[in-house]
Amino acid sequence: LKTHVFVPRLLTRVDVILSSHRDVRDVVLSSMLMFKACLAPVGETRTQRSHGVSVRFQQYAHWAPYVCYDMTYEAMMANRTAEVERLAGAALGAAPGSIDAAAVVAER
């Protein structure tokens, strides 16, 4: 299940919660370019209002206490194979080297 919205009832229904984030400057720029949205949840369209960066960060903050692994976008882009290893460890309890992370990356 992938969601941005914090849904407390999910906390008792999942085994693992993972999150990811990007540098806030990249988030603001992306939101402005893709949705013509900015920091505040304002705008003429529902899309602009729902992609206000402050709303996204509030949701992220709600999830943060329950996350067992928080992936940074920059780390994933720098070394996808290493990030797959870390995700497997967090989500599956996999020991380093116990999965073929390079094969997972190649499948994308």
PDB file of N, CA and C in Angstrom:
ATOM      1  N   LEU A   1       0.843  -1.175   0.000  1.00  0.00           N
ATOM      2  CA  LEU A   1       0.000   0.000   0.000  1.00  0.00           C
ATOM      3  C   LEU A   1       0.886   1.235   0.000  1.00  0.00           C
ATOM      4  N   LYS A   2       0.618   2.147  -0.884  1.00  0.00           N
ATOM      5  CA  LYS A   2       1.347   3.412  -0.903  1.00  0.00           C
ATOM      6  C   LYS A   2       0.356   4.523  -0.612  1.00  0.00           C
ATOM      7  N   THR A   3       0.701   5.349   0.349  1.00  0.00           N
ATOM      8  CA  THR A   3      -0.150   6.487   0.661  1.00  0.00           C
ATOM      9  C   THR A   3       0.690   7.627   1.189  1.00  0.00           C
ATOM     10  N   HIS A   4       0.256   8.828   0.929  1.00  0.00           N
ATOM     11  CA  HIS A   4       0.879  10.002   1.532  1.00  0.00           C
ATOM     12  C   HIS A   4       0.104  10.421   2.766  1.00  0.00           C
ATOM     13  N   VAL A   5      -1.180  10.142   2.746  1.00  0.00           N
ATOM     14  CA  VAL A   5      -2.075  10.583   3.812  1.00  0.00           C
ATOM     15  C   VAL A   5      -1.905   9.688   5.039  1.00  0.00           C
ATOM     16  N   PHE A   6      -1.765  10.298   6.206  1.00  0.00           N
ATOM     17  CA  PHE A   6      -1.643   9.538   7.443  1.00  0.00           C
ATOM     18  C   PHE A   6      -3.009   8.978   7.815  1.00  0.00           C
ATOM     19  N   VAL A   7      -3.075   7.655   7.934  1.00  0.00           N
ATOM     20  CA  VAL A   7      -4.312   6.960   8.277  1.00  0.00           C
ATOM     21  C   VAL A   7      -4.020   6.103   9.512  1.00  0.00           C
ATOM     22  N   PRO A   8      -4.347   6.594  10.700  1.00  0.00           N
ATOM     23  CA  PRO A   8      -3.985   5.883  11.930  1.00  0.00           C
ATOM     24  C   PRO A   8      -4.444   4.431  11.985  1.00  0.00           C
ATOM     25  N   ARG A   9      -5.597   4.120  11.409  1.00  0.00           N
ATOM     26  CA  ARG A   9      -6.081   2.734  11.485  1.00  0.00           C
ATOM     27  C   ARG A   9      -5.188   1.756  10.728  1.00  0.00           C
ATOM     28  N   LEU A  10      -4.353   2.251   9.838  1.00  0.00           N
ATOM     29  CA  LEU A  10      -3.428   1.366   9.117  1.00  0.00           C
ATOM     30  C   LEU A  10      -2.292   0.881  10.012  1.00  0.00           C
ATOM     31  N   LEU A  11      -2.004   1.607  11.056  1.00  0.00           N
ATOM     32  CA  LEU A  11      -0.864   1.265  11.911  1.00  0.00           C
ATOM     33  C   LEU A  11      -0.959  -0.143  12.478  1.00  0.00           C
ATOM     34  N   THR A  12      -2.145  -0.603  12.784  1.00  0.00           N
ATOM     35  CA  THR A  12      -2.318  -1.949  13.345  1.00  0.00           C
ATOM     36  C   THR A  12      -2.525  -3.006  12.265  1.00  0.00           C
ATOM     37  N   ARG A  13      -2.556  -2.594  11.008  1.00  0.00           N
ATOM     38  CA  ARG A  13      -2.831  -3.533   9.917  1.00  0.00           C
ATOM     39  C   ARG A  13      -1.629  -3.830   9.034  1.00  0.00           C
ATOM     40  N   VAL A  14      -0.514  -3.215   9.325  1.00  0.00           N
ATOM     41  CA  VAL A  14       0.678  -3.440   8.506  1.00  0.00           C
ATOM     42  C   VAL A  14       1.828  -3.923   9.370  1.00  0.00           C
ATOM     43  N   ASP A  15       2.740  -4.633   8.750  1.00  0.00           N
ATOM     44  CA  ASP A  15       3.911  -5.145   9.465  1.00  0.00           C
ATOM     45  C   ASP A  15       5.089  -4.183   9.409  1.00  0.00           C
ATOM     46  N   VAL A  16       5.180  -3.445   8.318  1.00  0.00           N
ATOM     47  CA  VAL A  16       6.325  -2.569   8.098  1.00  0.00           C
ATOM     48  C   VAL A  16       5.842  -1.258   7.492  1.00  0.00           C
ATOM     49  N   ILE A  17       6.415  -0.169   7.964  1.00  0.00           N
ATOM     50  CA  ILE A  17       6.123   1.136   7.379  1.00  0.00           C
ATOM     51  C   ILE A  17       7.445   1.736   6.920  1.00  0.00           C
ATOM     52  N   LEU A  18       7.501   2.043   5.640  1.00  0.00           N
ATOM     53  CA  LEU A  18       8.670   2.665   5.039  1.00  0.00           C
ATOM     54  C   LEU A  18       8.283   4.058   4.569  1.00  0.00           C
ATOM     55  N   SER A  19       9.224   4.946   4.573  1.00  0.00           N
ATOM     56  CA  SER A  19       8.953   6.273   4.035  1.00  0.00           C
ATOM     57  C   SER A  19      10.137   6.716   3.191  1.00  0.00           C
ATOM     58  N   SER A  20       9.909   7.766   2.446  1.00  0.00           N
ATOM     59  CA  SER A  20      10.989   8.341   1.656  1.00  0.00           C
ATOM     60  C   SER A  20      10.807   9.850   1.627  1.00  0.00           C
ATOM     61  N   HIS A  21      11.901  10.522   1.410  1.00  0.00           N
ATOM     62  CA  HIS A  21      11.820  11.971   1.303  1.00  0.00           C
ATOM     63  C   HIS A  21      12.931  12.497   0.404  1.00  0.00           C
ATOM     64  N   ARG A  22      12.729  13.729  -0.034  1.00  0.00           N
ATOM     65  CA  ARG A  22      13.707  14.426  -0.864  1.00  0.00           C
ATOM     66  C   ARG A  22      14.104  15.713  -0.174  1.00  0.00           C
ATOM     67  N   ASP A  23      15.171  16.281  -0.646  1.00  0.00           N
ATOM     68  CA  ASP A  23      15.584  17.598  -0.186  1.00  0.00           C
ATOM     69  C   ASP A  23      14.412  18.558  -0.397  1.00  0.00           C
ATOM     70  N   VAL A  24      14.099  19.340   0.614  1.00  0.00           N
ATOM     71  CA  VAL A  24      12.930  20.220   0.569  1.00  0.00           C
ATOM     72  C   VAL A  24      12.990  21.183  -0.616  1.00  0.00           C
ATOM     73  N   ARG A  25      14.166  21.600  -1.004  1.00  0.00           N
ATOM     74  CA  ARG A  25      14.279  22.501  -2.155  1.00  0.00           C
ATOM     75  C   ARG A  25      13.823  21.816  -3.435  1.00  0.00           C
ATOM     76  N   ASP A  26      14.150  20.542  -3.587  1.00  0.00           N
ATOM     77  CA  ASP A  26      13.701  19.790  -4.759  1.00  0.00           C
ATOM     78  C   ASP A  26      12.191  19.593  -4.736  1.00  0.00           C
ATOM     79  N   VAL A  27      11.653  19.365  -3.561  1.00  0.00           N
ATOM     80  CA  VAL A  27      10.204  19.163  -3.427  1.00  0.00           C
ATOM     81  C   VAL A  27       9.454  20.428  -3.835  1.00  0.00           C
ATOM     82  N   VAL A  28       9.895  21.557  -3.343  1.00  0.00           N
ATOM     83  CA  VAL A  28       9.232  22.820  -3.669  1.00  0.00           C
ATOM     84  C   VAL A  28       9.321  23.094  -5.162  1.00  0.00           C
ATOM     85  N   LEU A  29      10.485  22.941  -5.743  1.00  0.00           N
ATOM     86  CA  LEU A  29      10.648  23.189  -7.173  1.00  0.00           C
ATOM     87  C   LEU A  29       9.782  22.240  -7.996  1.00  0.00           C
ATOM     88  N   SER A  30       9.800  20.959  -7.656  1.00  0.00           N
ATOM     89  CA  SER A  30       8.998  19.974  -8.379  1.00  0.00           C
ATOM     90  C   SER A  30       7.514  20.297  -8.294  1.00  0.00           C
ATOM     91  N   SER A  31       7.062  20.640  -7.104  1.00  0.00           N
ATOM     92  CA  SER A  31       5.647  20.968  -6.915  1.00  0.00           C
ATOM     93  C   SER A  31       5.258  22.195  -7.732  1.00  0.00           C
ATOM     94  N   MET A  32       6.139  23.160  -7.766  1.00  0.00           N
ATOM     95  CA  MET A  32       5.854  24.372  -8.540  1.00  0.00           C
ATOM     96  C   MET A  32       5.801  24.071 -10.036  1.00  0.00           C
ATOM     97  N   LEU A  33       6.749  23.272 -10.517  1.00  0.00           N
ATOM     98  CA  LEU A  33       6.809  22.976 -11.945  1.00  0.00           C
ATOM     99  C   LEU A  33       5.698  22.029 -12.402  1.00  0.00           C
ATOM    100  N   MET A  34       5.432  20.998 -11.611  1.00  0.00           N
ATOM    101  CA  MET A  34       4.447  19.986 -12.020  1.00  0.00           C
ATOM    102  C   MET A  34       3.004  20.413 -11.786  1.00  0.00           C
ATOM    103  N   PHE A  35       2.758  21.066 -10.638  1.00  0.00           N
ATOM    104  CA  PHE A  35       1.385  21.329 -10.245  1.00  0.00           C
ATOM    105  C   PHE A  35       1.056  22.806 -10.103  1.00  0.00           C
ATOM    106  N   LYS A  36       2.054  23.662 -10.333  1.00  0.00           N
ATOM    107  CA  LYS A  36       1.902  25.096 -10.099  1.00  0.00           C
ATOM    108  C   LYS A  36       1.436  25.346  -8.672  1.00  0.00           C
ATOM    109  N   ALA A  37       1.952  24.501  -7.764  1.00  0.00           N
ATOM    110  CA  ALA A  37       1.629  24.599  -6.339  1.00  0.00           C
ATOM    111  C   ALA A  37       2.850  25.137  -5.611  1.00  0.00           C
ATOM    112  N   CYS A  38       2.643  25.562  -4.395  1.00  0.00           N
ATOM    113  CA  CYS A  38       3.746  26.109  -3.635  1.00  0.00           C
ATOM    114  C   CYS A  38       3.712  25.561  -2.215  1.00  0.00           C
ATOM    115  N   LEU A  39       4.235  26.304  -1.251  1.00  0.00           N
ATOM    116  CA  LEU A  39       4.296  25.808   0.116  1.00  0.00           C
ATOM    117  C   LEU A  39       2.920  25.652   0.744  1.00  0.00           C
ATOM    118  N   ALA A  40       2.096  26.650   0.618  1.00  0.00           N
ATOM    119  CA  ALA A  40       0.781  26.627   1.264  1.00  0.00           C
ATOM    120  C   ALA A  40      -0.221  25.856   0.412  1.00  0.00           C
ATOM    121  N   PRO A  41      -1.223  25.245   1.045  1.00  0.00           N
ATOM    122  CA  PRO A  41      -2.255  24.511   0.293  1.00  0.00           C
ATOM    123  C   PRO A  41      -3.278  25.476  -0.305  1.00  0.00           C
ATOM    124  N   VAL A  42      -2.832  26.268  -1.272  1.00  0.00           N
ATOM    125  CA  VAL A  42      -3.707  27.236  -1.935  1.00  0.00           C
ATOM    126  C   VAL A  42      -3.619  27.026  -3.432  1.00  0.00           C
ATOM    127  N   GLY A  43      -4.523  27.631  -4.144  1.00  0.00           N
ATOM    128  CA  GLY A  43      -4.507  27.552  -5.594  1.00  0.00           C
ATOM    129  C   GLY A  43      -5.907  27.511  -6.144  1.00  0.00           C
ATOM    130  N   GLU A  44      -6.011  27.647  -7.439  1.00  0.00           N
ATOM    131  CA  GLU A  44      -7.309  27.659  -8.099  1.00  0.00           C
ATOM    132  C   GLU A  44      -7.891  26.267  -8.267  1.00  0.00           C
ATOM    133  N   THR A  45      -7.018  25.268  -8.384  1.00  0.00           N
ATOM    134  CA  THR A  45      -7.504  23.913  -8.631  1.00  0.00           C
ATOM    135  C   THR A  45      -7.292  23.023  -7.417  1.00  0.00           C
ATOM    136  N   ARG A  46      -8.053  21.934  -7.365  1.00  0.00           N
ATOM    137  CA  ARG A  46      -7.900  20.953  -6.285  1.00  0.00           C
ATOM    138  C   ARG A  46      -6.489  20.363  -6.291  1.00  0.00           C
ATOM    139  N   THR A  47      -5.954  20.129  -7.479  1.00  0.00           N
ATOM    140  CA  THR A  47      -4.600  19.590  -7.606  1.00  0.00           C
ATOM    141  C   THR A  47      -3.584  20.528  -6.969  1.00  0.00           C
ATOM    142  N   GLN A  48      -3.710  21.821  -7.255  1.00  0.00           N
ATOM    143  CA  GLN A  48      -2.777  22.778  -6.665  1.00  0.00           C
ATOM    144  C   GLN A  48      -2.901  22.788  -5.143  1.00  0.00           C
ATOM    145  N   ARG A  49      -4.116  22.774  -4.646  1.00  0.00           N
ATOM    146  CA  ARG A  49      -4.316  22.803  -3.197  1.00  0.00           C
ATOM    147  C   ARG A  49      -3.802  21.530  -2.532  1.00  0.00           C
ATOM    148  N   SER A  50      -4.001  20.387  -3.162  1.00  0.00           N
ATOM    149  CA  SER A  50      -3.594  19.122  -2.544  1.00  0.00           C
ATOM    150  C   SER A  50      -2.095  18.879  -2.642  1.00  0.00           C
ATOM    151  N   HIS A  51      -1.406  19.629  -3.493  1.00  0.00           N
ATOM    152  CA  HIS A  51       0.039  19.451  -3.625  1.00  0.00           C
ATOM    153  C   HIS A  51       0.829  20.571  -2.971  1.00  0.00           C
ATOM    154  N   GLY A  52       0.171  21.324  -2.113  1.00  0.00           N
ATOM    155  CA  GLY A  52       0.919  22.300  -1.329  1.00  0.00           C
ATOM    156  C   GLY A  52       1.950  21.549  -0.496  1.00  0.00           C
ATOM    157  N   VAL A  53       3.168  21.981  -0.545  1.00  0.00           N
ATOM    158  CA  VAL A  53       4.265  21.258   0.096  1.00  0.00           C
ATOM    159  C   VAL A  53       4.073  21.159   1.609  1.00  0.00           C
ATOM    160  N   SER A  54       3.518  22.171   2.233  1.00  0.00           N
ATOM    161  CA  SER A  54       3.333  22.116   3.686  1.00  0.00           C
ATOM    162  C   SER A  54       2.420  20.959   4.081  1.00  0.00           C
ATOM    163  N   VAL A  55       1.412  20.683   3.279  1.00  0.00           N
ATOM    164  CA  VAL A  55       0.501  19.567   3.555  1.00  0.00           C
ATOM    165  C   VAL A  55       1.256  18.246   3.490  1.00  0.00           C
ATOM    166  N   ARG A  56       2.101  18.087   2.487  1.00  0.00           N
ATOM    167  CA  ARG A  56       2.878  16.853   2.336  1.00  0.00           C
ATOM    168  C   ARG A  56       3.825  16.649   3.516  1.00  0.00           C
ATOM    169  N   PHE A  57       4.451  17.716   3.953  1.00  0.00           N
ATOM    170  CA  PHE A  57       5.370  17.588   5.079  1.00  0.00           C
ATOM    171  C   PHE A  57       4.630  17.299   6.386  1.00  0.00           C
ATOM    172  N   GLN A  58       3.435  17.807   6.536  1.00  0.00           N
ATOM    173  CA  GLN A  58       2.641  17.485   7.724  1.00  0.00           C
ATOM    174  C   GLN A  58       2.312  16.000   7.740  1.00  0.00           C
ATOM    175  N   GLN A  59       1.944  15.457   6.584  1.00  0.00           N
ATOM    176  CA  GLN A  59       1.636  14.026   6.503  1.00  0.00           C
ATOM    177  C   GLN A  59       2.888  13.199   6.809  1.00  0.00           C
ATOM    178  N   TYR A  60       4.007  13.602   6.259  1.00  0.00           N
ATOM    179  CA  TYR A  60       5.283  12.916   6.515  1.00  0.00           C
ATOM    180  C   TYR A  60       5.584  12.919   8.017  1.00  0.00           C
ATOM    181  N   ALA A  61       5.379  14.039   8.664  1.00  0.00           N
ATOM    182  CA  ALA A  61       5.644  14.154  10.105  1.00  0.00           C
ATOM    183  C   ALA A  61       4.744  13.225  10.920  1.00  0.00           C
ATOM    184  N   HIS A  62       3.514  13.027  10.481  1.00  0.00           N
ATOM    185  CA  HIS A  62       2.608  12.104  11.193  1.00  0.00           C
ATOM    186  C   HIS A  62       3.104  10.664  11.097  1.00  0.00           C
ATOM    187  N   TRP A  63       3.626  10.275   9.930  1.00  0.00           N
ATOM    188  CA  TRP A  63       4.116   8.913   9.729  1.00  0.00           C
ATOM    189  C   TRP A  63       5.439   8.659  10.437  1.00  0.00           C
ATOM    190  N   ALA A  64       6.269   9.686  10.559  1.00  0.00           N
ATOM    191  CA  ALA A  64       7.653   9.539  11.021  1.00  0.00           C
ATOM    192  C   ALA A  64       7.845   8.692  12.281  1.00  0.00           C
ATOM    193  N   PRO A  65       7.029   8.826  13.321  1.00  0.00           N
ATOM    194  CA  PRO A  65       7.277   8.017  14.525  1.00  0.00           C
ATOM    195  C   PRO A  65       7.103   6.508  14.326  1.00  0.00           C
ATOM    196  N   TYR A  66       6.446   6.109  13.259  1.00  0.00           N
ATOM    197  CA  TYR A  66       6.120   4.691  13.041  1.00  0.00           C
ATOM    198  C   TYR A  66       6.982   4.036  11.968  1.00  0.00           C
ATOM    199  N   VAL A  67       7.842   4.788  11.347  1.00  0.00           N
ATOM    200  CA  VAL A  67       8.630   4.311  10.215  1.00  0.00           C
ATOM    201  C   VAL A  67       9.814   3.477  10.698  1.00  0.00           C
ATOM    202  N   CYS A  68      10.026   2.326  10.046  1.00  0.00           N
ATOM    203  CA  CYS A  68      11.190   1.512  10.402  1.00  0.00           C
ATOM    204  C   CYS A  68      12.365   1.806   9.478  1.00  0.00           C
ATOM    205  N   TYR A  69      12.115   2.460   8.344  1.00  0.00           N
ATOM    206  CA  TYR A  69      13.201   2.880   7.469  1.00  0.00           C
ATOM    207  C   TYR A  69      12.733   4.066   6.637  1.00  0.00           C
ATOM    208  N   ASP A  70      13.554   5.097   6.601  1.00  0.00           N
ATOM    209  CA  ASP A  70      13.258   6.296   5.815  1.00  0.00           C
ATOM    210  C   ASP A  70      14.329   6.441   4.747  1.00  0.00           C
ATOM    211  N   MET A  71      13.920   6.279   3.516  1.00  0.00           N
ATOM    212  CA  MET A  71      14.850   6.346   2.399  1.00  0.00           C
ATOM    213  C   MET A  71      14.944   7.778   1.887  1.00  0.00           C
ATOM    214  N   THR A  72      16.155   8.222   1.642  1.00  0.00           N
ATOM    215  CA  THR A  72      16.307   9.519   1.001  1.00  0.00           C
ATOM    216  C   THR A  72      16.409   9.305  -0.504  1.00  0.00           C
ATOM    217  N   TYR A  73      15.726  10.142  -1.238  1.00  0.00           N
ATOM    218  CA  TYR A  73      15.739  10.065  -2.689  1.00  0.00           C
ATOM    219  C   TYR A  73      17.168  10.194  -3.212  1.00  0.00           C
ATOM    220  N   GLU A  74      17.918  11.086  -2.606  1.00  0.00           N
ATOM    221  CA  GLU A  74      19.293  11.314  -3.055  1.00  0.00           C
ATOM    222  C   GLU A  74      20.161  10.064  -2.885  1.00  0.00           C
ATOM    223  N   ALA A  75      19.963   9.321  -1.798  1.00  0.00           N
ATOM    224  CA  ALA A  75      20.719   8.079  -1.594  1.00  0.00           C
ATOM    225  C   ALA A  75      20.336   7.040  -2.637  1.00  0.00           C
ATOM    226  N   MET A  76      19.057   6.972  -2.975  1.00  0.00           N
ATOM    227  CA  MET A  76      18.611   6.023  -3.988  1.00  0.00           C
ATOM    228  C   MET A  76      19.232   6.354  -5.342  1.00  0.00           C
ATOM    229  N   MET A  77      19.254   7.631  -5.684  1.00  0.00           N
ATOM    230  CA  MET A  77      19.809   8.024  -6.975  1.00  0.00           C
ATOM    231  C   MET A  77      21.330   7.821  -7.014  1.00  0.00           C
ATOM    232  N   ALA A  78      21.992   7.973  -5.885  1.00  0.00           N
ATOM    233  CA  ALA A  78      23.444   7.823  -5.830  1.00  0.00           C
ATOM    234  C   ALA A  78      23.879   6.366  -5.953  1.00  0.00           C
ATOM    235  N   ASN A  79      23.103   5.437  -5.365  1.00  0.00           N
ATOM    236  CA  ASN A  79      23.489   4.026  -5.393  1.00  0.00           C
ATOM    237  C   ASN A  79      22.240   3.166  -5.191  1.00  0.00           C
ATOM    238  N   ARG A  80      21.567   2.869  -6.292  1.00  0.00           N
ATOM    239  CA  ARG A  80      20.311   2.117  -6.227  1.00  0.00           C
ATOM    240  C   ARG A  80      20.491   0.731  -5.599  1.00  0.00           C
ATOM    241  N   THR A  81      21.580   0.069  -5.934  1.00  0.00           N
ATOM    242  CA  THR A  81      21.813  -1.275  -5.419  1.00  0.00           C
ATOM    243  C   THR A  81      21.948  -1.264  -3.896  1.00  0.00           C
ATOM    244  N   ALA A  82      22.715  -0.339  -3.374  1.00  0.00           N
ATOM    245  CA  ALA A  82      22.877  -0.239  -1.921  1.00  0.00           C
ATOM    246  C   ALA A  82      21.551   0.101  -1.249  1.00  0.00           C
ATOM    247  N   GLU A  83      20.752   0.922  -1.904  1.00  0.00           N
ATOM    248  CA  GLU A  83      19.460   1.295  -1.314  1.00  0.00           C
ATOM    249  C   GLU A  83      18.504   0.112  -1.298  1.00  0.00           C
ATOM    250  N   VAL A  84      18.526  -0.711  -2.335  1.00  0.00           N
ATOM    251  CA  VAL A  84      17.704  -1.925  -2.348  1.00  0.00           C
ATOM    252  C   VAL A  84      18.127  -2.847  -1.206  1.00  0.00           C
ATOM    253  N   GLU A  85      19.418  -2.971  -0.971  1.00  0.00           N
ATOM    254  CA  GLU A  85      19.921  -3.781   0.156  1.00  0.00           C
ATOM    255  C   GLU A  85      19.367  -3.259   1.480  1.00  0.00           C
ATOM    256  N   ARG A  86      19.421  -1.937   1.670  1.00  0.00           N
ATOM    257  CA  ARG A  86      18.925  -1.355   2.925  1.00  0.00           C
ATOM    258  C   ARG A  86      17.420  -1.538   3.070  1.00  0.00           C
ATOM    259  N   LEU A  87      16.686  -1.361   1.989  1.00  0.00           N
ATOM    260  CA  LEU A  87      15.234  -1.568   2.032  1.00  0.00           C
ATOM    261  C   LEU A  87      14.887  -3.021   2.350  1.00  0.00           C
ATOM    262  N   ALA A  88      15.600  -3.955   1.743  1.00  0.00           N
ATOM    263  CA  ALA A  88      15.365  -5.379   2.015  1.00  0.00           C
ATOM    264  C   ALA A  88      15.641  -5.701   3.471  1.00  0.00           C
ATOM    265  N   GLY A  89      16.671  -5.101   4.013  1.00  0.00           N
ATOM    266  CA  GLY A  89      16.976  -5.310   5.422  1.00  0.00           C
ATOM    267  C   GLY A  89      15.868  -4.796   6.316  1.00  0.00           C
ATOM    268  N   ALA A  90      15.363  -3.618   6.003  1.00  0.00           N
ATOM    269  CA  ALA A  90      14.306  -3.009   6.817  1.00  0.00           C
ATOM    270  C   ALA A  90      12.969  -3.725   6.652  1.00  0.00           C
ATOM    271  N   ALA A  91      12.607  -4.032   5.431  1.00  0.00           N
ATOM    272  CA  ALA A  91      11.281  -4.599   5.164  1.00  0.00           C
ATOM    273  C   ALA A  91      11.213  -6.104   5.413  1.00  0.00           C
ATOM    274  N   LEU A  92      12.291  -6.800   5.100  1.00  0.00           N
ATOM    275  CA  LEU A  92      12.263  -8.261   5.161  1.00  0.00           C
ATOM    276  C   LEU A  92      13.169  -8.849   6.235  1.00  0.00           C
ATOM    277  N   GLY A  93      13.980  -8.006   6.831  1.00  0.00           N
ATOM    278  CA  GLY A  93      14.971  -8.510   7.778  1.00  0.00           C
ATOM    279  C   GLY A  93      16.096  -9.240   7.075  1.00  0.00           C
ATOM    280  N   ALA A  94      16.266  -8.963   5.802  1.00  0.00           N
ATOM    281  CA  ALA A  94      17.278  -9.655   4.997  1.00  0.00           C
ATOM    282  C   ALA A  94      18.679  -9.209   5.399  1.00  0.00           C
ATOM    283  N   ALA A  95      19.569 -10.166   5.554  1.00  0.00           N
ATOM    284  CA  ALA A  95      20.964  -9.863   5.862  1.00  0.00           C
ATOM    285  C   ALA A  95      21.629  -9.271   4.624  1.00  0.00           C
ATOM    286  N   PRO A  96      22.576  -8.356   4.808  1.00  0.00           N
ATOM    287  CA  PRO A  96      23.295  -7.801   3.656  1.00  0.00           C
ATOM    288  C   PRO A  96      23.874  -8.911   2.786  1.00  0.00           C
ATOM    289  N   GLY A  97      23.661  -8.799   1.491  1.00  0.00           N
ATOM    290  CA  GLY A  97      24.167  -9.789   0.554  1.00  0.00           C
ATOM    291  C   GLY A  97      23.268 -10.997   0.369  1.00  0.00           C
ATOM    292  N   SER A  98      22.158 -11.077   1.119  1.00  0.00           N
ATOM    293  CA  SER A  98      21.284 -12.247   1.012  1.00  0.00           C
ATOM    294  C   SER A  98      20.288 -12.146  -0.139  1.00  0.00           C
ATOM    295  N   ILE A  99      20.178 -10.991  -0.745  1.00  0.00           N
ATOM    296  CA  ILE A  99      19.350 -10.851  -1.944  1.00  0.00           C
ATOM    297  C   ILE A  99      20.240 -10.323  -3.065  1.00  0.00           C
ATOM    298  N   ASP A 100      19.800 -10.532  -4.276  1.00  0.00           N
ATOM    299  CA  ASP A 100      20.546 -10.025  -5.428  1.00  0.00           C
ATOM    300  C   ASP A 100      20.020  -8.641  -5.749  1.00  0.00           C
ATOM    301  N   ALA A 101      20.509  -7.657  -5.006  1.00  0.00           N
ATOM    302  CA  ALA A 101      20.027  -6.286  -5.168  1.00  0.00           C
ATOM    303  C   ALA A 101      20.293  -5.741  -6.571  1.00  0.00           C
ATOM    304  N   ALA A 102      21.395  -6.133  -7.173  1.00  0.00           N
ATOM    305  CA  ALA A 102      21.707  -5.673  -8.528  1.00  0.00           C
ATOM    306  C   ALA A 102      20.662  -6.172  -9.528  1.00  0.00           C
ATOM    307  N   ALA A 103      20.178  -7.391  -9.341  1.00  0.00           N
ATOM    308  CA  ALA A 103      19.138  -7.931 -10.213  1.00  0.00           C
ATOM    309  C   ALA A 103      17.827  -7.171 -10.033  1.00  0.00           C
ATOM    310  N   VAL A 104      17.523  -6.809  -8.806  1.00  0.00           N
ATOM    311  CA  VAL A 104      16.317  -6.022  -8.543  1.00  0.00           C
ATOM    312  C   VAL A 104      16.410  -4.695  -9.250  1.00  0.00           C
ATOM    313  N   VAL A 105      17.550  -4.038  -9.145  1.00  0.00           N
ATOM    314  CA  VAL A 105      17.749  -2.744  -9.807  1.00  0.00           C
ATOM    315  C   VAL A 105      17.653  -2.896 -11.324  1.00  0.00           C
ATOM    316  N   ALA A 106      18.220  -3.978 -11.865  1.00  0.00           N
ATOM    317  CA  ALA A 106      18.200  -4.209 -13.311  1.00  0.00           C
ATOM    318  C   ALA A 106      16.775  -4.420 -13.837  1.00  0.00           C
ATOM    319  N   GLU A 107      15.872  -4.903 -12.988  1.00  0.00           N
ATOM    320  CA  GLU A 107      14.487  -5.155 -13.402  1.00  0.00           C
ATOM    321  C   GLU A 107      13.676  -3.895 -13.624  1.00  0.00           C
ATOM    322  N   ARG A 108      14.140  -2.778 -13.124  1.00  0.00           N
ATOM    323  CA  ARG A 108      13.354  -1.549 -13.237  1.00  0.00           C
ATOM    324  C   ARG A 108      13.268  -1.176 -14.646  1.00  0.00           C
TER     325      ARG A 108
END
